[in-house]
Amino acid sequence: MENDLRNAAETLKKGGIILYPTDTIWGIGCDGTNEKAVEKIMALKKRQDEKSLIILLDDTRKLDDYVAEIPEIALTLIEIADKPLTIIYPGAQNLARNVIANDGSVGIRIVQDEFCRKLIQQTRIPLVSTSANFSGLPWPVSFHKIDPEIVRSVDYVVKYRQDDRSHGKPSGIIKLGVRGDVQVIRE
């Protein structure tokens, strides 16, 4: 894992994109503050610009860096979640423009996965995470289900957990409003 962490971190710092395991499914990632790197991911996935991307962080204390005002219920939801949970927050800040949705919101997940946590800690960047598939196609349930074109198109492919055959599932998604209103997007 250490070699993968070092190589992935170096790739991210140079503005590259990586293919990596997360606490849900395999993802394509980059520095969430680097607009050009985000453009590379959008082009690779053949994804429209108006679709926003998820950001991974390693600690709830970092939310203040990327969300202008955190609704009170957010920390409670993170604490009680029994599976990976992405929360869409209003008032995104300090991120690449093309990571933020048209309404100014951003989806953020606090990861529990050891590899992701260490990578975020080592790079000190918010990590983009989007499923390792072409837009509109089913997400891959394991590394071996990822389209070979995607594998060839990224700048670095993490070797750690490639042989894991467990079937990953995307996170739940909840959207929070500034007044604490909650909307379940995906369970």
N, C-alpha and C. Protein backbone atom coordinates (compact mmCIF):
# COMPACT_ATOMS: atom_id res chain seq x y z
N MET A 1 0.82 -1.20 0.00
CA MET A 1 0.00 0.00 0.00
C MET A 1 0.87 1.26 0.00
N GLU A 2 1.99 1.23 0.69
CA GLU A 2 2.83 2.43 0.80
C GLU A 2 3.32 2.93 -0.55
N ASN A 3 3.72 2.00 -1.41
CA ASN A 3 4.18 2.39 -2.75
C ASN A 3 3.05 3.04 -3.54
N ASP A 4 1.85 2.48 -3.45
CA ASP A 4 0.68 3.06 -4.12
C ASP A 4 0.37 4.45 -3.57
N LEU A 5 0.45 4.61 -2.27
CA LEU A 5 0.19 5.92 -1.66
C LEU A 5 1.17 6.96 -2.19
N ARG A 6 2.43 6.61 -2.23
CA ARG A 6 3.46 7.54 -2.71
C ARG A 6 3.23 7.91 -4.19
N ASN A 7 2.99 6.90 -5.03
CA ASN A 7 2.80 7.15 -6.47
C ASN A 7 1.51 7.91 -6.75
N ALA A 8 0.43 7.55 -6.05
CA ALA A 8 -0.84 8.25 -6.24
C ALA A 8 -0.72 9.70 -5.79
N ALA A 9 -0.08 9.94 -4.66
CA ALA A 9 0.09 11.31 -4.16
C ALA A 9 0.91 12.14 -5.14
N GLU A 10 1.96 11.58 -5.67
CA GLU A 10 2.80 12.29 -6.63
C GLU A 10 1.99 12.63 -7.90
N THR A 11 1.20 11.69 -8.36
CA THR A 11 0.36 11.91 -9.54
C THR A 11 -0.64 13.04 -9.29
N LEU A 12 -1.30 13.01 -8.14
CA LEU A 12 -2.29 14.03 -7.81
C LEU A 12 -1.65 15.42 -7.72
N LYS A 13 -0.50 15.50 -7.10
CA LYS A 13 0.18 16.80 -6.94
C LYS A 13 0.62 17.38 -8.28
N LYS A 14 0.84 16.52 -9.28
CA LYS A 14 1.23 16.98 -10.62
C LYS A 14 0.03 17.27 -11.50
N GLY A 15 -1.20 17.18 -10.94
CA GLY A 15 -2.40 17.47 -11.72
C GLY A 15 -2.92 16.27 -12.49
N GLY A 16 -2.45 15.06 -12.14
CA GLY A 16 -2.89 13.86 -12.83
C GLY A 16 -4.15 13.27 -12.22
N ILE A 17 -4.66 12.23 -12.88
CA ILE A 17 -5.84 11.54 -12.38
C ILE A 17 -5.47 10.09 -12.06
N ILE A 18 -6.13 9.56 -11.03
CA ILE A 18 -5.83 8.21 -10.57
C ILE A 18 -7.09 7.35 -10.60
N LEU A 19 -6.87 6.04 -10.64
CA LEU A 19 -7.92 5.04 -10.51
C LEU A 19 -7.63 4.35 -9.19
N TYR A 20 -8.58 4.36 -8.25
CA TYR A 20 -8.27 3.91 -6.89
C TYR A 20 -9.49 3.32 -6.18
N PRO A 21 -9.24 2.45 -5.19
CA PRO A 21 -10.34 1.88 -4.41
C PRO A 21 -10.80 2.89 -3.36
N THR A 22 -12.10 2.89 -3.10
CA THR A 22 -12.64 3.76 -2.06
C THR A 22 -13.41 2.91 -1.05
N ASP A 23 -14.12 3.55 -0.16
CA ASP A 23 -14.94 2.83 0.81
C ASP A 23 -16.25 2.35 0.19
N THR A 24 -16.45 2.65 -1.10
CA THR A 24 -17.66 2.20 -1.79
C THR A 24 -17.26 1.38 -3.02
N ILE A 25 -17.03 2.04 -4.14
CA ILE A 25 -16.64 1.39 -5.38
C ILE A 25 -15.34 2.01 -5.88
N TRP A 26 -14.76 1.41 -6.92
CA TRP A 26 -13.54 1.99 -7.50
C TRP A 26 -13.86 3.35 -8.09
N GLY A 27 -12.95 4.29 -7.89
CA GLY A 27 -13.19 5.65 -8.34
C GLY A 27 -12.07 6.20 -9.21
N ILE A 28 -12.41 7.23 -9.92
CA ILE A 28 -11.44 8.04 -10.64
C ILE A 28 -11.31 9.31 -9.82
N GLY A 29 -10.08 9.74 -9.55
CA GLY A 29 -9.91 10.88 -8.67
C GLY A 29 -8.83 11.84 -9.12
N CYS A 30 -8.90 13.04 -8.54
CA CYS A 30 -7.91 14.08 -8.77
C CYS A 30 -7.99 15.08 -7.63
N ASP A 31 -7.15 16.08 -7.67
CA ASP A 31 -7.15 17.17 -6.71
C ASP A 31 -8.42 17.99 -6.94
N GLY A 32 -9.25 18.09 -5.93
CA GLY A 32 -10.52 18.80 -6.03
C GLY A 32 -10.39 20.31 -6.13
N THR A 33 -9.16 20.82 -6.05
CA THR A 33 -8.95 22.26 -6.22
C THR A 33 -8.33 22.58 -7.58
N ASN A 34 -8.07 21.56 -8.38
CA ASN A 34 -7.37 21.72 -9.66
C ASN A 34 -8.37 21.60 -10.82
N GLU A 35 -8.77 22.73 -11.38
CA GLU A 35 -9.78 22.76 -12.42
C GLU A 35 -9.39 21.96 -13.66
N LYS A 36 -8.13 22.02 -14.06
CA LYS A 36 -7.67 21.28 -15.24
C LYS A 36 -7.73 19.77 -15.01
N ALA A 37 -7.38 19.33 -13.82
CA ALA A 37 -7.46 17.90 -13.50
C ALA A 37 -8.92 17.43 -13.52
N VAL A 38 -9.82 18.25 -13.00
CA VAL A 38 -11.24 17.91 -13.02
C VAL A 38 -11.73 17.82 -14.47
N GLU A 39 -11.27 18.72 -15.33
CA GLU A 39 -11.64 18.68 -16.75
C GLU A 39 -11.20 17.36 -17.38
N LYS A 40 -10.02 16.86 -17.00
CA LYS A 40 -9.54 15.57 -17.53
C LYS A 40 -10.51 14.45 -17.17
N ILE A 41 -10.99 14.46 -15.92
CA ILE A 41 -11.93 13.42 -15.49
C ILE A 41 -13.23 13.53 -16.27
N MET A 42 -13.74 14.73 -16.42
CA MET A 42 -15.00 14.92 -17.16
C MET A 42 -14.86 14.43 -18.60
N ALA A 43 -13.73 14.73 -19.23
CA ALA A 43 -13.49 14.29 -20.61
C ALA A 43 -13.38 12.77 -20.67
N LEU A 44 -12.65 12.17 -19.73
CA LEU A 44 -12.49 10.72 -19.70
C LEU A 44 -13.84 10.03 -19.55
N LYS A 45 -14.65 10.52 -18.63
CA LYS A 45 -15.96 9.90 -18.37
C LYS A 45 -17.01 10.26 -19.42
N LYS A 46 -16.68 11.24 -20.29
CA LYS A 46 -17.64 11.75 -21.28
C LYS A 46 -18.88 12.27 -20.54
N ARG A 47 -18.59 13.05 -19.52
CA ARG A 47 -19.63 13.54 -18.61
C ARG A 47 -19.89 15.01 -18.86
N GLN A 48 -21.14 15.42 -18.76
CA GLN A 48 -21.51 16.82 -18.96
C GLN A 48 -21.04 17.66 -17.77
N ASP A 49 -20.65 18.89 -18.07
CA ASP A 49 -20.13 19.79 -17.04
C ASP A 49 -21.13 20.11 -15.94
N GLU A 50 -22.42 20.08 -16.26
CA GLU A 50 -23.37 20.48 -15.22
C GLU A 50 -23.57 19.42 -14.14
N LYS A 51 -23.02 18.23 -14.33
CA LYS A 51 -23.07 17.21 -13.28
C LYS A 51 -21.87 17.43 -12.36
N SER A 52 -22.14 17.57 -11.07
CA SER A 52 -21.05 17.82 -10.13
C SER A 52 -20.40 16.50 -9.70
N LEU A 53 -19.30 16.61 -8.99
CA LEU A 53 -18.53 15.45 -8.54
C LEU A 53 -18.50 15.42 -7.01
N ILE A 54 -18.19 14.26 -6.47
CA ILE A 54 -18.09 14.09 -5.02
C ILE A 54 -16.66 14.36 -4.57
N ILE A 55 -16.53 14.95 -3.41
CA ILE A 55 -15.24 15.20 -2.77
C ILE A 55 -15.11 14.28 -1.56
N LEU A 56 -13.94 13.68 -1.41
CA LEU A 56 -13.66 12.87 -0.23
C LEU A 56 -12.73 13.65 0.70
N LEU A 57 -13.06 13.60 1.98
CA LEU A 57 -12.22 14.18 3.03
C LEU A 57 -11.96 13.10 4.07
N ASP A 58 -10.90 13.28 4.85
CA ASP A 58 -10.55 12.28 5.85
C ASP A 58 -11.05 12.63 7.25
N ASP A 59 -11.56 13.84 7.44
CA ASP A 59 -11.92 14.27 8.79
C ASP A 59 -13.00 15.35 8.71
N THR A 60 -13.98 15.29 9.60
CA THR A 60 -15.07 16.28 9.61
C THR A 60 -14.55 17.69 9.89
N ARG A 61 -13.41 17.81 10.56
CA ARG A 61 -12.87 19.15 10.86
C ARG A 61 -12.49 19.90 9.59
N LYS A 62 -12.29 19.19 8.49
CA LYS A 62 -11.93 19.84 7.23
C LYS A 62 -13.13 20.37 6.46
N LEU A 63 -14.33 20.04 6.90
CA LEU A 63 -15.54 20.53 6.22
C LEU A 63 -15.57 22.06 6.17
N ASP A 64 -15.12 22.71 7.23
CA ASP A 64 -15.12 24.17 7.29
C ASP A 64 -14.31 24.81 6.15
N ASP A 65 -13.31 24.08 5.66
CA ASP A 65 -12.49 24.61 4.57
C ASP A 65 -13.25 24.67 3.24
N TYR A 66 -14.25 23.80 3.08
CA TYR A 66 -14.91 23.65 1.78
C TYR A 66 -16.40 23.93 1.77
N VAL A 67 -16.96 24.19 2.95
CA VAL A 67 -18.39 24.50 3.07
C VAL A 67 -18.53 25.78 3.89
N ALA A 68 -19.23 26.77 3.34
CA ALA A 68 -19.34 28.08 4.01
C ALA A 68 -20.06 27.98 5.35
N GLU A 69 -21.15 27.22 5.38
CA GLU A 69 -21.92 27.08 6.62
C GLU A 69 -22.44 25.66 6.70
N ILE A 70 -21.97 24.92 7.69
CA ILE A 70 -22.35 23.51 7.82
C ILE A 70 -23.65 23.41 8.63
N PRO A 71 -24.71 22.86 8.02
CA PRO A 71 -25.95 22.68 8.77
C PRO A 71 -25.71 21.80 10.00
N GLU A 72 -26.33 22.13 11.11
CA GLU A 72 -26.10 21.43 12.37
C GLU A 72 -26.31 19.92 12.27
N ILE A 73 -27.28 19.53 11.49
CA ILE A 73 -27.62 18.11 11.40
C ILE A 73 -26.54 17.28 10.70
N ALA A 74 -25.67 17.91 9.94
CA ALA A 74 -24.67 17.19 9.15
C ALA A 74 -23.77 16.30 10.01
N LEU A 75 -23.22 16.85 11.07
CA LEU A 75 -22.30 16.07 11.91
C LEU A 75 -23.01 14.90 12.59
N THR A 76 -24.26 15.09 12.95
CA THR A 76 -25.04 14.00 13.54
C THR A 76 -25.25 12.90 12.52
N LEU A 77 -25.61 13.28 11.28
CA LEU A 77 -25.82 12.28 10.23
C LEU A 77 -24.54 11.49 9.96
N ILE A 78 -23.41 12.17 9.91
CA ILE A 78 -22.13 11.48 9.68
C ILE A 78 -21.85 10.51 10.82
N GLU A 79 -22.10 10.95 12.04
CA GLU A 79 -21.81 10.13 13.22
C GLU A 79 -22.69 8.87 13.28
N ILE A 80 -23.95 8.97 12.92
CA ILE A 80 -24.85 7.83 13.06
C ILE A 80 -24.94 6.95 11.81
N ALA A 81 -24.36 7.38 10.70
CA ALA A 81 -24.43 6.60 9.47
C ALA A 81 -23.77 5.23 9.66
N ASP A 82 -24.47 4.19 9.24
CA ASP A 82 -23.92 2.84 9.36
C ASP A 82 -23.33 2.33 8.04
N LYS A 83 -23.32 3.20 7.03
CA LYS A 83 -22.68 2.88 5.75
C LYS A 83 -22.17 4.20 5.17
N PRO A 84 -21.31 4.13 4.15
CA PRO A 84 -20.78 5.38 3.58
C PRO A 84 -21.90 6.33 3.16
N LEU A 85 -21.74 7.60 3.54
CA LEU A 85 -22.77 8.61 3.29
C LEU A 85 -22.15 9.87 2.70
N THR A 86 -22.67 10.25 1.55
CA THR A 86 -22.28 11.51 0.92
C THR A 86 -23.35 12.53 1.25
N ILE A 87 -22.91 13.68 1.73
CA ILE A 87 -23.85 14.77 2.04
C ILE A 87 -23.59 15.90 1.06
N ILE A 88 -24.67 16.39 0.46
CA ILE A 88 -24.58 17.55 -0.43
C ILE A 88 -24.84 18.79 0.42
N TYR A 89 -23.83 19.65 0.48
CA TYR A 89 -23.88 20.85 1.30
C TYR A 89 -24.09 22.08 0.43
N PRO A 90 -24.85 23.06 0.91
CA PRO A 90 -24.93 24.34 0.20
C PRO A 90 -23.65 25.14 0.48
N GLY A 91 -23.36 26.10 -0.36
CA GLY A 91 -22.26 27.03 -0.07
C GLY A 91 -20.87 26.45 -0.19
N ALA A 92 -20.60 25.75 -1.28
CA ALA A 92 -19.25 25.21 -1.50
C ALA A 92 -18.24 26.34 -1.65
N GLN A 93 -17.03 26.11 -1.19
CA GLN A 93 -15.97 27.13 -1.30
C GLN A 93 -14.61 26.45 -1.41
N ASN A 94 -13.64 27.19 -1.92
CA ASN A 94 -12.24 26.75 -2.00
C ASN A 94 -12.03 25.46 -2.80
N LEU A 95 -12.90 25.23 -3.77
CA LEU A 95 -12.79 24.06 -4.64
C LEU A 95 -12.76 24.53 -6.09
N ALA A 96 -12.31 23.65 -6.98
CA ALA A 96 -12.35 23.97 -8.40
C ALA A 96 -13.79 24.28 -8.80
N ARG A 97 -13.95 25.29 -9.62
CA ARG A 97 -15.28 25.72 -10.07
C ARG A 97 -16.09 24.56 -10.64
N ASN A 98 -15.42 23.66 -11.38
CA ASN A 98 -16.13 22.58 -12.06
C ASN A 98 -16.41 21.36 -11.17
N VAL A 99 -16.14 21.48 -9.88
CA VAL A 99 -16.54 20.46 -8.92
C VAL A 99 -17.87 20.85 -8.28
N ILE A 100 -18.15 22.13 -8.31
CA ILE A 100 -19.32 22.69 -7.63
C ILE A 100 -20.54 22.66 -8.56
N ALA A 101 -21.69 22.24 -8.02
CA ALA A 101 -22.93 22.19 -8.80
C ALA A 101 -23.40 23.60 -9.13
N ASN A 102 -24.28 23.71 -10.11
CA ASN A 102 -24.80 25.01 -10.54
C ASN A 102 -25.47 25.79 -9.41
N ASP A 103 -26.02 25.09 -8.41
CA ASP A 103 -26.69 25.78 -7.29
C ASP A 103 -25.71 26.14 -6.17
N GLY A 104 -24.40 25.92 -6.40
CA GLY A 104 -23.39 26.28 -5.41
C GLY A 104 -23.13 25.20 -4.37
N SER A 105 -23.71 24.04 -4.55
CA SER A 105 -23.54 22.96 -3.57
C SER A 105 -22.41 22.02 -3.98
N VAL A 106 -22.01 21.19 -3.02
CA VAL A 106 -20.98 20.16 -3.28
C VAL A 106 -21.28 18.94 -2.42
N GLY A 107 -21.08 17.77 -3.01
CA GLY A 107 -21.23 16.51 -2.28
C GLY A 107 -19.91 16.12 -1.65
N ILE A 108 -19.92 15.86 -0.34
CA ILE A 108 -18.70 15.49 0.38
C ILE A 108 -18.96 14.24 1.21
N ARG A 109 -18.00 13.32 1.18
CA ARG A 109 -18.07 12.13 2.02
C ARG A 109 -16.82 12.08 2.88
N ILE A 110 -17.01 11.82 4.17
CA ILE A 110 -15.88 11.59 5.08
C ILE A 110 -15.60 10.08 5.00
N VAL A 111 -14.45 9.74 4.45
CA VAL A 111 -14.15 8.32 4.20
C VAL A 111 -13.64 7.61 5.45
N GLN A 112 -13.94 6.33 5.50
CA GLN A 112 -13.43 5.48 6.56
C GLN A 112 -12.37 4.54 6.02
N ASP A 113 -12.28 4.41 4.71
CA ASP A 113 -11.33 3.53 4.05
C ASP A 113 -9.89 3.95 4.36
N GLU A 114 -9.07 2.99 4.78
CA GLU A 114 -7.70 3.29 5.20
C GLU A 114 -6.87 3.91 4.07
N PHE A 115 -6.94 3.34 2.87
CA PHE A 115 -6.15 3.86 1.76
C PHE A 115 -6.53 5.31 1.47
N CYS A 116 -7.82 5.59 1.33
CA CYS A 116 -8.27 6.95 1.02
C CYS A 116 -7.87 7.94 2.12
N ARG A 117 -8.07 7.54 3.36
CA ARG A 117 -7.71 8.43 4.48
C ARG A 117 -6.23 8.79 4.43
N LYS A 118 -5.39 7.79 4.25
CA LYS A 118 -3.95 8.04 4.22
C LYS A 118 -3.55 8.90 3.02
N LEU A 119 -4.19 8.66 1.87
CA LEU A 119 -3.87 9.45 0.68
C LEU A 119 -4.26 10.92 0.88
N ILE A 120 -5.41 11.16 1.46
CA ILE A 120 -5.86 12.54 1.71
C ILE A 120 -4.95 13.20 2.75
N GLN A 121 -4.58 12.47 3.78
CA GLN A 121 -3.68 13.01 4.79
C GLN A 121 -2.32 13.34 4.20
N GLN A 122 -1.82 12.47 3.35
CA GLN A 122 -0.50 12.68 2.75
C GLN A 122 -0.48 13.85 1.78
N THR A 123 -1.54 14.02 0.99
CA THR A 123 -1.56 15.08 -0.02
C THR A 123 -2.11 16.40 0.51
N ARG A 124 -2.92 16.31 1.57
CA ARG A 124 -3.59 17.49 2.15
C ARG A 124 -4.49 18.20 1.14
N ILE A 125 -5.15 17.41 0.29
CA ILE A 125 -6.07 17.97 -0.70
C ILE A 125 -7.43 17.29 -0.58
N PRO A 126 -8.50 17.98 -0.99
CA PRO A 126 -9.79 17.32 -1.11
C PRO A 126 -9.73 16.44 -2.36
N LEU A 127 -10.10 15.20 -2.24
CA LEU A 127 -9.94 14.23 -3.32
C LEU A 127 -11.26 14.03 -4.07
N VAL A 128 -11.25 14.28 -5.38
CA VAL A 128 -12.43 14.02 -6.21
C VAL A 128 -12.64 12.51 -6.26
N SER A 129 -13.89 12.11 -6.21
CA SER A 129 -14.22 10.70 -6.37
C SER A 129 -15.45 10.59 -7.26
N THR A 130 -15.29 9.91 -8.38
CA THR A 130 -16.41 9.62 -9.25
C THR A 130 -16.26 8.18 -9.70
N SER A 131 -17.35 7.50 -9.93
CA SER A 131 -17.28 6.09 -10.28
C SER A 131 -16.44 5.85 -11.52
N ALA A 132 -15.74 4.72 -11.55
CA ALA A 132 -14.81 4.39 -12.63
C ALA A 132 -15.56 3.77 -13.82
N ASN A 133 -16.43 4.56 -14.41
CA ASN A 133 -17.19 4.13 -15.57
C ASN A 133 -17.43 5.33 -16.48
N PHE A 134 -17.88 5.04 -17.69
CA PHE A 134 -18.28 6.12 -18.59
C PHE A 134 -19.66 6.59 -18.16
N SER A 135 -19.91 7.88 -18.28
CA SER A 135 -21.17 8.48 -17.85
C SER A 135 -22.35 7.75 -18.49
N GLY A 136 -23.32 7.41 -17.66
CA GLY A 136 -24.53 6.75 -18.14
C GLY A 136 -24.47 5.24 -18.12
N LEU A 137 -23.29 4.67 -17.92
CA LEU A 137 -23.15 3.21 -17.86
C LEU A 137 -23.11 2.75 -16.40
N PRO A 138 -23.41 1.47 -16.13
CA PRO A 138 -23.39 0.98 -14.75
C PRO A 138 -21.99 1.11 -14.12
N TRP A 139 -21.94 1.37 -12.82
CA TRP A 139 -20.67 1.45 -12.12
C TRP A 139 -20.10 0.04 -11.98
N PRO A 140 -18.78 -0.08 -11.98
CA PRO A 140 -18.15 -1.41 -11.83
C PRO A 140 -18.20 -1.85 -10.37
N VAL A 141 -18.58 -3.11 -10.15
CA VAL A 141 -18.69 -3.61 -8.77
C VAL A 141 -17.34 -4.07 -8.21
N SER A 142 -16.34 -4.21 -9.09
CA SER A 142 -14.98 -4.57 -8.66
C SER A 142 -14.00 -4.06 -9.71
N PHE A 143 -12.71 -4.09 -9.39
CA PHE A 143 -11.70 -3.59 -10.31
C PHE A 143 -11.78 -4.29 -11.66
N HIS A 144 -12.01 -5.59 -11.66
CA HIS A 144 -12.01 -6.37 -12.89
C HIS A 144 -13.19 -6.06 -13.81
N LYS A 145 -14.15 -5.29 -13.33
CA LYS A 145 -15.30 -4.89 -14.16
C LYS A 145 -15.11 -3.50 -14.77
N ILE A 146 -13.98 -2.85 -14.51
CA ILE A 146 -13.71 -1.51 -15.06
C ILE A 146 -13.32 -1.65 -16.52
N ASP A 147 -13.89 -0.80 -17.36
CA ASP A 147 -13.58 -0.81 -18.79
C ASP A 147 -12.08 -0.59 -18.98
N PRO A 148 -11.42 -1.45 -19.78
CA PRO A 148 -9.97 -1.31 -20.00
C PRO A 148 -9.57 0.06 -20.55
N GLU A 149 -10.46 0.72 -21.27
CA GLU A 149 -10.15 2.06 -21.80
C GLU A 149 -9.97 3.06 -20.65
N ILE A 150 -10.75 2.91 -19.61
CA ILE A 150 -10.60 3.78 -18.44
C ILE A 150 -9.26 3.49 -17.76
N VAL A 151 -8.94 2.22 -17.60
CA VAL A 151 -7.68 1.83 -16.95
C VAL A 151 -6.50 2.42 -17.71
N ARG A 152 -6.54 2.37 -19.04
CA ARG A 152 -5.45 2.91 -19.87
C ARG A 152 -5.39 4.44 -19.86
N SER A 153 -6.50 5.08 -19.58
CA SER A 153 -6.60 6.53 -19.75
C SER A 153 -6.20 7.36 -18.53
N VAL A 154 -6.09 6.74 -17.37
CA VAL A 154 -5.71 7.49 -16.17
C VAL A 154 -4.19 7.56 -16.08
N ASP A 155 -3.69 8.45 -15.22
CA ASP A 155 -2.25 8.62 -15.08
C ASP A 155 -1.61 7.62 -14.11
N TYR A 156 -2.40 7.11 -13.18
CA TYR A 156 -1.88 6.10 -12.25
C TYR A 156 -3.02 5.18 -11.81
N VAL A 157 -2.75 3.87 -11.83
CA VAL A 157 -3.71 2.86 -11.37
C VAL A 157 -3.17 2.25 -10.08
N VAL A 158 -3.92 2.40 -9.01
CA VAL A 158 -3.55 1.83 -7.72
C VAL A 158 -3.66 0.30 -7.79
N LYS A 159 -2.65 -0.37 -7.31
CA LYS A 159 -2.64 -1.84 -7.32
C LYS A 159 -3.34 -2.43 -6.09
N TYR A 160 -3.29 -1.67 -5.01
CA TYR A 160 -3.88 -2.11 -3.74
C TYR A 160 -5.36 -2.45 -3.93
N ARG A 161 -5.77 -3.62 -3.51
CA ARG A 161 -7.14 -4.13 -3.52
C ARG A 161 -7.69 -4.46 -4.91
N GLN A 162 -6.84 -4.56 -5.91
CA GLN A 162 -7.34 -4.95 -7.23
C GLN A 162 -7.93 -6.35 -7.22
N ASP A 163 -7.42 -7.24 -6.36
CA ASP A 163 -7.92 -8.61 -6.31
C ASP A 163 -9.13 -8.80 -5.40
N ASP A 164 -9.57 -7.74 -4.76
CA ASP A 164 -10.75 -7.79 -3.90
C ASP A 164 -11.97 -8.03 -4.78
N ARG A 165 -12.64 -9.15 -4.58
CA ARG A 165 -13.79 -9.51 -5.42
C ARG A 165 -15.13 -9.16 -4.77
N SER A 166 -15.10 -8.52 -3.61
CA SER A 166 -16.37 -8.12 -3.00
C SER A 166 -17.03 -7.06 -3.89
N HIS A 167 -18.32 -7.05 -3.88
CA HIS A 167 -19.07 -6.15 -4.75
C HIS A 167 -19.35 -4.83 -4.04
N GLY A 168 -18.72 -3.77 -4.54
CA GLY A 168 -18.92 -2.45 -3.96
C GLY A 168 -20.25 -1.84 -4.37
N LYS A 169 -20.73 -0.94 -3.55
CA LYS A 169 -21.96 -0.21 -3.84
C LYS A 169 -21.71 1.27 -3.58
N PRO A 170 -22.36 2.15 -4.35
CA PRO A 170 -22.20 3.58 -4.12
C PRO A 170 -22.73 3.99 -2.75
N SER A 171 -22.30 5.14 -2.29
CA SER A 171 -22.75 5.64 -0.99
C SER A 171 -24.19 6.11 -1.06
N GLY A 172 -24.79 6.24 0.11
CA GLY A 172 -26.06 6.93 0.20
C GLY A 172 -25.80 8.41 -0.02
N ILE A 173 -26.80 9.14 -0.50
CA ILE A 173 -26.63 10.58 -0.72
C ILE A 173 -27.80 11.32 -0.10
N ILE A 174 -27.47 12.33 0.70
CA ILE A 174 -28.47 13.20 1.32
C ILE A 174 -28.11 14.63 0.99
N LYS A 175 -29.11 15.43 0.63
CA LYS A 175 -28.87 16.85 0.36
C LYS A 175 -29.44 17.67 1.52
N LEU A 176 -28.60 18.56 2.05
CA LEU A 176 -29.01 19.43 3.16
C LEU A 176 -29.18 20.85 2.68
N GLY A 177 -30.20 21.51 3.19
CA GLY A 177 -30.41 22.92 2.90
C GLY A 177 -29.85 23.77 4.02
N VAL A 178 -29.73 25.06 3.79
CA VAL A 178 -29.17 25.95 4.81
C VAL A 178 -30.01 26.00 6.07
N ARG A 179 -31.31 25.75 5.95
CA ARG A 179 -32.19 25.78 7.12
C ARG A 179 -32.40 24.40 7.73
N GLY A 180 -31.55 23.44 7.33
CA GLY A 180 -31.63 22.11 7.92
C GLY A 180 -32.59 21.16 7.22
N ASP A 181 -33.19 21.57 6.10
CA ASP A 181 -34.07 20.65 5.40
C ASP A 181 -33.23 19.53 4.79
N VAL A 182 -33.80 18.31 4.80
CA VAL A 182 -33.09 17.11 4.37
C VAL A 182 -33.85 16.46 3.22
N GLN A 183 -33.09 16.11 2.18
CA GLN A 183 -33.66 15.41 1.03
C GLN A 183 -32.81 14.17 0.75
N VAL A 184 -33.41 12.99 0.78
CA VAL A 184 -32.70 11.75 0.47
C VAL A 184 -32.64 11.62 -1.04
N ILE A 185 -31.43 11.57 -1.60
CA ILE A 185 -31.23 11.42 -3.04
C ILE A 185 -31.05 9.96 -3.40
N ARG A 186 -30.23 9.23 -2.62
CA ARG A 186 -30.00 7.81 -2.86
C ARG A 186 -29.76 7.13 -1.52
N GLU A 187 -30.53 6.06 -1.28
CA GLU A 187 -30.36 5.32 -0.02
C GLU A 187 -29.22 4.36 -0.09
